[in-house]
Protein backbone atom coordinates (compact mmCIF):
# COMPACT_ATOMS: atom_id res chain seq x y z
CA MET A 1 -41.09 33.23 -40.14
CA ALA A 2 -39.57 30.02 -41.53
CA ARG A 3 -41.73 28.01 -39.09
CA ASN A 4 -44.87 29.69 -40.16
CA LEU A 5 -44.04 28.98 -43.86
CA ILE A 6 -43.51 25.31 -43.07
CA ASP A 7 -46.83 25.10 -41.13
CA GLU A 8 -48.54 26.68 -44.04
CA ALA A 9 -46.94 24.33 -46.51
CA LEU A 10 -47.99 21.37 -44.15
CA ASN A 11 -51.58 22.63 -44.04
CA ASN A 12 -51.85 23.03 -47.81
CA ILE A 13 -50.39 19.47 -48.16
CA ARG A 14 -52.92 18.07 -45.95
CA LYS A 15 -55.73 19.91 -47.62
CA ASP A 16 -54.59 18.86 -51.01
CA ARG A 17 -54.29 15.17 -49.95
CA LYS A 18 -57.76 15.20 -48.41
CA LYS A 19 -59.31 16.68 -51.49
CA THR A 20 -57.36 14.30 -53.81
CA LYS A 21 -58.40 11.26 -51.76
CA GLU A 22 -61.93 12.42 -51.91
CA LEU A 23 -61.93 12.79 -55.62
CA LEU A 24 -60.06 9.35 -56.16
CA LEU A 25 -62.75 7.66 -53.97
CA GLU A 26 -65.42 9.41 -56.02
CA LEU A 27 -64.00 8.27 -59.25
CA GLN A 28 -63.63 4.73 -57.68
CA GLN A 29 -67.29 4.82 -56.83
CA GLU A 30 -68.13 5.76 -60.51
CA ILE A 31 -66.17 2.87 -61.89
CA ILE A 32 -67.75 0.31 -59.27
CA ASN A 33 -71.23 1.67 -60.20
CA LYS A 34 -70.41 1.40 -63.82
CA GLU A 35 -70.97 5.14 -64.42
CA SER A 36 -67.59 5.23 -65.91
CA THR A 37 -65.12 2.77 -67.20
CA HIS A 38 -61.52 2.06 -65.94
CA ALA A 39 -60.25 2.80 -69.55
CA LYS A 40 -62.03 6.33 -69.40
CA SER A 41 -61.23 7.19 -65.95
CA GLY A 42 -57.64 5.57 -65.65
CA VAL A 43 -55.90 8.84 -66.83
CA VAL A 44 -57.72 10.89 -64.35
CA ALA A 45 -56.96 8.40 -61.52
CA ALA A 46 -53.39 8.38 -62.63
CA LYS A 47 -53.34 12.17 -62.19
CA TYR A 48 -54.87 11.99 -58.57
CA VAL A 49 -52.13 9.36 -57.63
CA GLU A 50 -49.51 11.63 -59.07
CA THR A 51 -50.78 14.48 -57.04
CA LEU A 52 -50.55 12.26 -53.84
CA GLN A 53 -47.01 11.23 -54.90
CA ARG A 54 -45.94 14.97 -55.29
CA SER A 55 -47.27 15.77 -51.79
CA ASN A 56 -45.32 12.86 -50.43
CA GLU A 57 -42.18 14.29 -51.99
CA GLN A 58 -43.07 17.76 -50.66
CA LEU A 59 -43.32 16.02 -47.07
CA VAL A 60 -39.95 14.53 -47.52
CA LYS A 61 -38.39 17.90 -48.42
CA ILE A 62 -40.02 19.49 -45.37
CA VAL A 63 -38.80 16.73 -43.06
CA ALA A 64 -35.16 17.13 -44.61
CA ILE A 65 -35.26 20.88 -44.03
CA LEU A 66 -36.35 20.35 -40.47
CA ASN A 67 -33.83 17.81 -39.69
CA LYS A 68 -30.89 19.91 -41.34
CA SER A 69 -32.14 22.88 -39.28
CA LYS A 70 -32.25 20.65 -36.04
CA LYS A 71 -28.65 19.46 -36.88
CA GLU A 72 -27.35 22.79 -37.32
CA GLU A 73 -28.75 24.01 -33.97
CA GLU A 74 -27.28 20.93 -32.17
CA GLU A 75 -23.76 21.55 -33.62
CA ALA A 76 -24.17 25.22 -32.67
CA LEU A 77 -24.83 24.22 -29.20
CA SER A 78 -22.21 21.44 -28.85
CA LEU A 79 -18.80 21.89 -27.74
CA SER A 80 -15.73 21.07 -29.88
CA LEU A 81 -13.22 18.53 -28.77
CA LYS A 82 -10.82 21.34 -28.23
CA GLU A 83 -13.34 23.26 -26.09
CA ARG A 84 -13.94 20.16 -24.11
CA ASP A 85 -10.39 19.42 -23.42
CA ASN A 86 -9.77 23.00 -22.33
CA ILE A 87 -12.69 22.98 -19.88
CA PHE A 88 -11.39 19.49 -18.53
CA GLU A 89 -7.90 20.97 -18.13
CA LEU A 90 -9.32 24.00 -16.24
CA ILE A 91 -11.26 21.68 -13.86
CA LYS A 92 -8.05 19.61 -13.29
CA GLU A 93 -6.10 22.78 -12.59
CA GLU A 94 -8.76 23.90 -10.20
CA VAL A 95 -8.83 20.62 -8.41
CA ASN A 96 -4.98 20.55 -8.02
CA VAL A 97 -4.89 24.05 -6.74
CA GLN A 98 -7.43 23.03 -3.97
């Protein structure tokens, strides 16, 4: 379930970034072709860049969630020092018996 939501969020981020880049390039062409001035289009361009920045922040949050989840899984699978010592002692006892 969580993985599906993360995949959906990543897909949405990719779509938003693609569309924002297209709009930003279109705006850039308008400025280059003198159809618009930087003064008139600057606020719009700033909004597009802000949208890209927000998607970067969303990506960072998703990576942090995935890293936290991975770390928790690794910790759940790893042995504590006490558990390792107990296993080592059992092995030593088994070797001494033989």
